[in-house]
Protein backbone atom coordinates (compact mmCIF):
# COMPACT_ATOMS: atom_id res chain seq x y z
CA UNK A 1 -9.32 55.07 82.78
CA UNK A 2 -12.00 58.26 83.68
CA UNK A 3 -12.18 59.20 86.75
CA UNK A 4 -16.06 59.39 88.09
CA UNK A 5 -18.00 62.03 87.81
CA UNK A 6 -19.68 62.57 91.08
CA UNK A 7 -15.91 62.13 93.44
CA UNK A 8 -16.72 60.92 97.22
CA UNK A 9 -16.27 63.93 99.00
CA UNK A 10 -13.93 62.98 102.44
CA UNK A 11 -15.69 63.48 105.80
CA UNK A 12 -14.04 66.51 107.57
CA UNK A 13 -12.74 65.03 110.96
CA UNK A 14 -12.38 61.66 109.97
CA UNK A 15 -16.21 60.88 110.88
CA UNK A 16 -18.14 58.13 110.01
CA UNK A 17 -21.38 58.01 108.66
CA UNK A 18 -24.33 59.08 110.46
CA UNK A 19 -25.85 56.50 112.51
CA UNK A 20 -28.76 56.68 116.10
CA UNK A 21 -27.14 57.87 118.86
CA UNK A 22 -30.19 56.79 120.89
CA UNK A 23 -29.11 52.80 122.30
CA UNK A 24 -32.43 51.45 124.06
CA UNK A 25 -30.36 48.47 125.40
CA UNK A 26 -27.37 50.92 126.39
CA UNK A 27 -28.24 53.96 127.34
CA UNK A 28 -26.16 56.17 128.64
CA UNK A 29 -28.09 56.59 132.11
CA UNK A 30 -28.09 52.55 132.43
CA UNK A 31 -24.29 52.90 131.87
CA UNK A 32 -23.99 55.08 134.65
CA UNK A 33 -26.19 52.57 136.91
CA UNK A 34 -24.49 50.22 139.09
CA UNK A 35 -24.94 46.42 137.50
CA UNK A 36 -26.78 45.11 140.31
CA UNK A 37 -29.34 48.23 139.50
CA UNK A 38 -29.75 47.32 135.50
CA UNK A 39 -29.77 43.84 136.07
CA UNK A 40 -32.77 44.65 139.14
CA UNK A 41 -34.64 46.72 136.22
CA UNK A 42 -34.36 44.13 133.01
CA UNK A 43 -36.21 41.70 134.65
CA UNK A 44 -39.76 40.95 134.78
CA UNK A 45 -42.32 41.75 137.29
CA UNK A 46 -42.11 37.84 138.46
CA UNK A 47 -38.48 37.39 138.21
CA UNK A 48 -38.44 40.58 140.36
CA UNK A 49 -41.03 38.85 143.04
CA UNK A 50 -38.86 35.26 142.84
CA UNK A 51 -35.36 37.75 143.28
CA UNK A 52 -37.02 38.97 146.86
CA UNK A 53 -39.10 36.64 148.40
CA UNK A 54 -37.43 33.66 146.91
CA UNK A 55 -38.90 29.91 147.76
CA UNK A 56 -41.81 32.17 149.79
CA UNK A 57 -43.06 32.80 146.11
CA UNK A 58 -43.45 30.02 145.35
CA UNK A 59 -45.40 28.79 148.97
CA UNK A 60 -47.99 30.80 149.11
CA UNK A 61 -50.27 30.72 146.53
CA UNK A 62 -49.63 26.87 146.78
CA UNK A 63 -50.99 26.91 149.76
CA UNK A 64 -53.66 29.05 149.30
CA UNK A 65 -55.17 26.45 146.18
CA UNK A 66 -54.68 23.77 148.75
CA UNK A 67 -56.81 26.34 151.28
CA UNK A 68 -59.50 26.46 148.85
CA UNK A 69 -59.50 23.00 147.73
CA UNK A 70 -59.92 21.85 150.81
CA UNK A 71 -63.17 23.69 151.98
CA UNK A 72 -64.59 22.45 148.46
CA UNK A 73 -63.62 19.02 149.92
CA UNK A 74 -65.80 20.13 152.89
CA UNK A 75 -68.93 21.44 152.08
CA UNK A 76 -69.34 19.69 148.79
CA UNK A 77 -67.39 16.31 148.61
CA UNK A 78 -64.49 15.85 146.57
CA UNK A 79 -64.63 16.66 143.09
CA UNK A 80 -62.23 14.57 140.91
CA UNK A 81 -63.92 11.38 142.77
CA UNK A 82 -65.63 9.37 140.32
CA UNK A 83 -69.76 9.60 140.58
CA UNK A 84 -70.01 6.48 139.15
CA UNK A 85 -68.26 4.40 141.26
CA UNK A 86 -70.71 3.60 143.67
CA UNK A 87 -74.33 3.42 143.85
CA UNK A 88 -77.09 3.90 146.97
CA UNK A 89 -78.10 0.38 147.41
CA UNK A 90 -78.03 -0.52 150.88
CA UNK A 91 -80.59 -2.04 152.68
CA UNK A 92 -80.91 1.11 154.75
CA UNK A 93 -81.86 3.81 151.50
CA UNK A 94 -84.90 1.42 150.18
CA UNK A 95 -87.91 1.04 151.00
CA UNK A 96 -88.05 -2.53 153.19
CA UNK A 97 -91.36 -3.87 154.40
CA UNK A 98 -90.22 -6.42 157.41
CA UNK A 99 -94.02 -8.57 156.41
CA UNK A 100 -94.01 -9.78 153.22
CA UNK A 101 -97.21 -9.95 151.63
CA UNK A 102 -98.88 -12.88 149.81
CA UNK A 103 -98.58 -11.40 146.56
CA UNK A 104 -96.30 -12.20 143.55
CA UNK A 105 -93.97 -9.20 143.65
CA UNK A 106 -91.17 -9.19 140.66
CA UNK A 107 -92.44 -9.48 137.52
CA UNK A 108 -94.49 -6.47 135.42
CA UNK A 109 -98.15 -5.97 135.89
CA UNK A 110 -98.13 -5.22 131.89
CA UNK A 111 -101.47 -2.91 132.10
CA UNK A 112 -99.47 0.18 130.46
CA UNK A 113 -97.34 -1.05 127.61
CA UNK A 114 -97.50 1.50 124.70
CA UNK A 115 -96.26 -0.55 122.21
CA UNK A 116 -93.57 -3.28 121.23
CA UNK A 117 -91.70 -4.25 124.22
CA UNK A 118 -87.98 -3.32 124.23
CA UNK A 119 -85.46 -4.84 122.63
CA UNK A 120 -83.51 -5.16 125.74
CA UNK A 121 -85.91 -7.07 127.57
CA UNK A 122 -85.55 -10.04 125.36
CA UNK A 123 -84.41 -13.31 126.13
CA UNK A 124 -80.65 -13.44 123.88
CA UNK A 125 -79.83 -16.48 122.17
CA UNK A 126 -78.19 -19.04 123.73
CA UNK A 127 -77.95 -22.71 125.02
CA UNK A 128 -81.13 -25.00 124.90
CA UNK A 129 -82.94 -25.35 128.45
CA UNK A 130 -86.08 -27.43 129.22
CA UNK A 131 -89.71 -25.29 128.32
CA UNK A 132 -91.90 -27.06 130.39
CA UNK A 133 -91.77 -28.85 133.91
CA UNK A 134 -94.01 -30.75 135.66
CA UNK A 135 -94.99 -28.33 138.05
CA UNK A 136 -93.40 -30.09 141.22
CA UNK A 137 -90.09 -29.47 142.96
CA UNK A 138 -87.70 -31.24 145.05
CA UNK A 139 -85.32 -29.88 147.70
CA UNK A 140 -81.78 -30.10 147.19
CA UNK A 141 -79.92 -31.02 150.12
CA UNK A 142 -77.82 -29.40 152.00
CA UNK A 143 -77.32 -26.61 154.45
CA UNK A 144 -75.13 -23.87 155.57
CA UNK A 145 -74.42 -22.11 159.15
CA UNK A 146 -75.40 -18.74 159.43
CA UNK A 147 -74.09 -15.50 157.69
CA UNK A 148 -74.31 -11.91 158.25
CA UNK A 149 -74.99 -10.54 162.06
CA UNK A 150 -79.15 -10.65 161.79
CA UNK A 151 -79.57 -8.12 164.37
CA UNK A 152 -83.12 -7.66 163.53
CA UNK A 153 -83.47 -11.29 161.22
CA UNK A 154 -82.15 -14.46 160.29
CA UNK A 155 -84.01 -15.66 157.21
CA UNK A 156 -83.85 -19.42 156.61
CA UNK A 157 -84.20 -20.87 152.88
CA UNK A 158 -83.92 -24.07 151.09
CA UNK A 159 -83.25 -24.42 147.81
CA UNK A 160 -85.10 -26.53 145.06
CA UNK A 161 -85.04 -27.19 141.27
CA UNK A 162 -88.56 -28.32 139.57
CA UNK A 163 -89.09 -31.74 138.67
CA UNK A 164 -88.87 -32.58 134.86
CA UNK A 165 -85.98 -29.74 134.15
CA UNK A 166 -82.71 -31.21 132.37
CA UNK A 167 -80.03 -30.40 134.43
CA UNK A 168 -77.23 -32.03 132.53
CA UNK A 169 -75.73 -29.01 131.07
CA UNK A 170 -75.50 -27.18 134.04
CA UNK A 171 -74.05 -30.21 135.39
CA UNK A 172 -77.02 -31.10 138.05
CA UNK A 173 -78.50 -29.85 140.54
CA UNK A 174 -75.58 -28.64 143.46
CA UNK A 175 -74.17 -26.22 141.05
CA UNK A 176 -76.92 -24.26 140.99
CA UNK A 177 -77.11 -24.58 144.75
CA UNK A 178 -73.89 -23.86 145.73
CA UNK A 179 -74.46 -20.79 143.28
CA UNK A 180 -76.87 -19.53 146.24
CA UNK A 181 -75.29 -20.44 148.57
CA UNK A 182 -71.83 -18.38 147.97
CA UNK A 183 -74.14 -15.62 146.64
CA UNK A 184 -76.40 -15.10 149.60
CA UNK A 185 -73.19 -15.41 152.06
CA UNK A 186 -71.10 -12.68 149.59
CA UNK A 187 -70.17 -9.81 151.92
CA UNK A 188 -71.41 -7.47 148.66
CA UNK A 189 -74.94 -9.34 149.25
CA UNK A 190 -77.67 -8.38 152.09
CA UNK A 191 -76.19 -9.45 154.47
CA UNK A 192 -73.71 -6.60 154.75
CA UNK A 193 -76.61 -4.89 156.41
CA UNK A 194 -75.65 -5.91 160.21
CA UNK A 195 -79.63 -6.29 160.51
CA UNK A 196 -80.23 -9.44 158.23
CA UNK A 197 -78.37 -12.84 158.03
CA UNK A 198 -79.09 -15.75 155.65
CA UNK A 199 -78.94 -19.43 156.55
CA UNK A 200 -80.02 -22.61 154.33
CA UNK A 201 -81.60 -25.40 155.55
CA UNK A 202 -82.60 -29.06 154.43
CA UNK A 203 -85.71 -29.69 156.73
CA UNK A 204 -88.45 -27.06 158.41
CA UNK A 205 -90.26 -24.45 156.73
CA UNK A 206 -88.27 -21.89 155.51
CA UNK A 207 -88.55 -18.59 155.37
CA UNK A 208 -88.92 -18.90 151.37
CA UNK A 209 -87.41 -21.55 148.96
CA UNK A 210 -85.37 -20.46 145.76
CA UNK A 211 -86.61 -22.71 143.28
CA UNK A 212 -85.00 -23.62 139.67
CA UNK A 213 -88.70 -23.51 137.56
CA UNK A 214 -88.94 -23.53 133.93
CA UNK A 215 -90.05 -20.95 131.71
CA UNK A 216 -93.71 -22.32 131.40
CA UNK A 217 -94.23 -22.92 135.42
CA UNK A 218 -92.30 -19.69 135.90
CA UNK A 219 -95.45 -17.60 133.47
CA UNK A 220 -97.69 -19.76 135.66
CA UNK A 221 -96.35 -18.36 138.93
CA UNK A 222 -94.83 -15.05 138.22
CA UNK A 223 -98.22 -13.99 135.01
CA UNK A 224 -96.82 -13.84 131.39
CA UNK A 225 -99.10 -10.25 130.79
CA UNK A 226 -95.80 -8.83 129.13
CA UNK A 227 -93.91 -11.46 127.02
CA UNK A 228 -90.84 -11.19 128.35
CA UNK A 229 -89.01 -14.58 130.51
CA UNK A 230 -88.92 -13.09 134.22
CA UNK A 231 -88.23 -14.16 137.73
CA UNK A 232 -90.54 -13.02 141.03
CA UNK A 233 -91.20 -14.42 144.05
CA UNK A 234 -94.55 -16.09 144.63
CA UNK A 235 -95.30 -14.82 148.43
CA UNK A 236 -98.26 -17.02 148.10
CA UNK A 237 -96.53 -19.84 147.22
CA UNK A 238 -93.36 -18.66 149.75
CA UNK A 239 -91.23 -19.22 146.53
CA UNK A 240 -88.41 -17.41 144.85
CA UNK A 241 -89.33 -18.26 140.91
CA UNK A 242 -86.06 -17.93 139.11
CA UNK A 243 -86.40 -18.76 135.75
CA UNK A 244 -84.58 -21.36 133.77
CA UNK A 245 -84.27 -19.35 131.00
CA UNK A 246 -82.74 -16.45 132.15
CA UNK A 247 -80.72 -18.63 134.31
CA UNK A 248 -79.47 -20.15 131.01
CA UNK A 249 -79.57 -17.38 128.80
CA UNK A 250 -78.94 -14.61 131.03
CA UNK A 251 -79.75 -10.84 130.30
CA UNK A 252 -78.95 -8.56 127.46
CA UNK A 253 -77.69 -5.89 129.22
CA UNK A 254 -74.97 -7.87 130.84
CA UNK A 255 -73.45 -8.35 127.98
CA UNK A 256 -72.67 -12.64 127.97
CA UNK A 257 -71.93 -12.01 132.22
CA UNK A 258 -73.77 -15.30 132.91
CA UNK A 259 -72.30 -15.53 136.47
CA UNK A 260 -73.11 -11.88 136.83
CA UNK A 261 -76.86 -12.09 135.89
CA UNK A 262 -77.30 -14.87 137.83
CA UNK A 263 -75.65 -13.29 141.45
CA UNK A 264 -78.25 -10.30 140.29
CA UNK A 265 -81.27 -12.61 139.96
CA UNK A 266 -80.62 -13.95 143.26
CA UNK A 267 -80.09 -10.94 145.28
CA UNK A 268 -83.01 -9.32 143.36
CA UNK A 269 -85.34 -11.83 143.99
CA UNK A 270 -84.35 -12.38 147.28
CA UNK A 271 -84.92 -8.81 148.09
CA UNK A 272 -87.99 -9.12 147.47
CA UNK A 273 -88.60 -12.07 149.60
CA UNK A 274 -87.41 -10.11 152.61
CA UNK A 275 -89.60 -7.22 151.68
CA UNK A 276 -88.16 -5.04 149.21
CA UNK A 277 -90.68 -5.40 146.72
CA UNK A 278 -90.55 -1.75 145.36
CA UNK A 279 -88.41 -1.24 141.55
CA UNK A 280 -85.81 1.18 141.80
CA UNK A 281 -84.85 3.53 138.65
CA UNK A 282 -81.26 4.64 137.27
CA UNK A 283 -80.14 7.07 139.50
CA UNK A 284 -77.86 9.23 137.76
CA UNK A 285 -76.43 8.55 133.89
CA UNK A 286 -73.63 5.95 134.12
CA UNK A 287 -73.89 4.90 137.85
CA UNK A 288 -73.91 1.16 138.68
CA UNK A 289 -77.93 0.14 138.73
CA UNK A 290 -79.53 -0.47 141.78
CA UNK A 291 -79.99 -4.02 142.61
CA UNK A 292 -84.08 -3.40 142.70
CA UNK A 293 -83.84 -2.31 138.90
CA UNK A 294 -85.86 -4.96 136.79
CA UNK A 295 -82.41 -5.22 135.02
CA UNK A 296 -83.21 -8.35 132.98
CA UNK A 297 -85.36 -6.23 130.90
CA UNK A 298 -82.37 -3.18 130.69
CA UNK A 299 -80.52 -0.18 132.20
CA UNK A 300 -82.60 2.50 130.52
CA UNK A 301 -85.11 3.95 133.01
CA UNK A 302 -87.03 4.58 129.69
CA UNK A 303 -86.91 0.53 128.62
CA UNK A 304 -88.43 -0.21 131.96
CA UNK A 305 -90.66 2.86 131.71
CA UNK A 306 -92.21 1.51 128.42
CA UNK A 307 -93.33 -1.85 130.25
CA UNK A 308 -94.79 -0.45 133.28
CA UNK A 309 -95.52 3.34 133.62
CA UNK A 310 -94.10 3.46 137.67
CA UNK A 311 -92.75 6.32 139.16
CA UNK A 312 -89.40 7.46 138.54
CA UNK A 313 -88.63 5.67 135.06
CA UNK A 314 -89.76 8.48 132.64
CA UNK A 315 -86.40 9.73 131.96
CA UNK A 316 -83.84 8.58 129.60
CA UNK A 317 -81.11 8.09 132.54
CA UNK A 318 -78.99 4.44 131.20
CA UNK A 319 -76.92 2.90 134.48
CA UNK A 320 -74.67 0.28 134.13
CA UNK A 321 -75.26 -3.98 134.56
CA UNK A 322 -74.67 -4.49 138.71
CA UNK A 323 -75.04 -7.55 140.78
CA UNK A 324 -74.46 -6.47 144.20
CA UNK A 325 -76.71 -4.95 146.75
CA UNK A 326 -73.04 -3.36 147.72
CA UNK A 327 -70.79 -3.43 145.07
CA UNK A 328 -68.15 -0.89 146.69
CA UNK A 329 -68.25 -1.74 150.45
CA UNK A 330 -68.17 1.02 153.07
């Protein structure tokens, strides 16, 4: 076998092939440095801080953040608290006339309707009801004890049902009266205000009578300038007129929650009877609707503005349905 044409020469002094002499990880300077110093140099800035100060390195920034948060809560409120869980719906925050007049309060005027009525205000599909009653009412027997403190006023009321109204599907007169009593006696109703109290009476002359009324009689008592089923307070009659059509079918905004709607209708119309004669718009997107908002016609300000161009409704805010004066007790 012939030898290679370029025989490999041996390296003098038995040295290995050439290589870089600088080792960035293990340079002579590092080899001569004490182990603790080398370890310290290898640490990051954060690691050196933690190594030097220990638990205090964690405590100082945490305390700083907590201090800033406390200042924010003190001056601006809790930024993580829901803005839609409560509603400024107290008797103190709304304009109240202590001596309600003799006018009709609650039904839309219908004087400025620019177009078709909103779908939200139309009567939902549902059960049957009597459309025409006799135009006279009979008092439902029963009375209650005083509910609420009544530091300024104790309101007396009766419950009545229009003659000729078929109450068979509603269980008779008493379930209607019981719903009235439970609603007005609930601490979330108007009695959350220490100034107000209610007491149902069976005889005498009450401050107002809460009356379940057929739609046709309701139109005579409340007006029908806008062709939507509504309820109202008729001051001349001293009567809170609850529309039977709404009692049976509710309102679109309540999405089938008849109990919630009935509680709303009672609180809203009784609100008119005790002096809260002005309607209130939705105050903020997604908030609970004020009890004095016309929720029978929707919880969007724009829908109600199209019925009656009241101040404060000319915007696109939409609320959530709400049956109570004080939905979250304070």
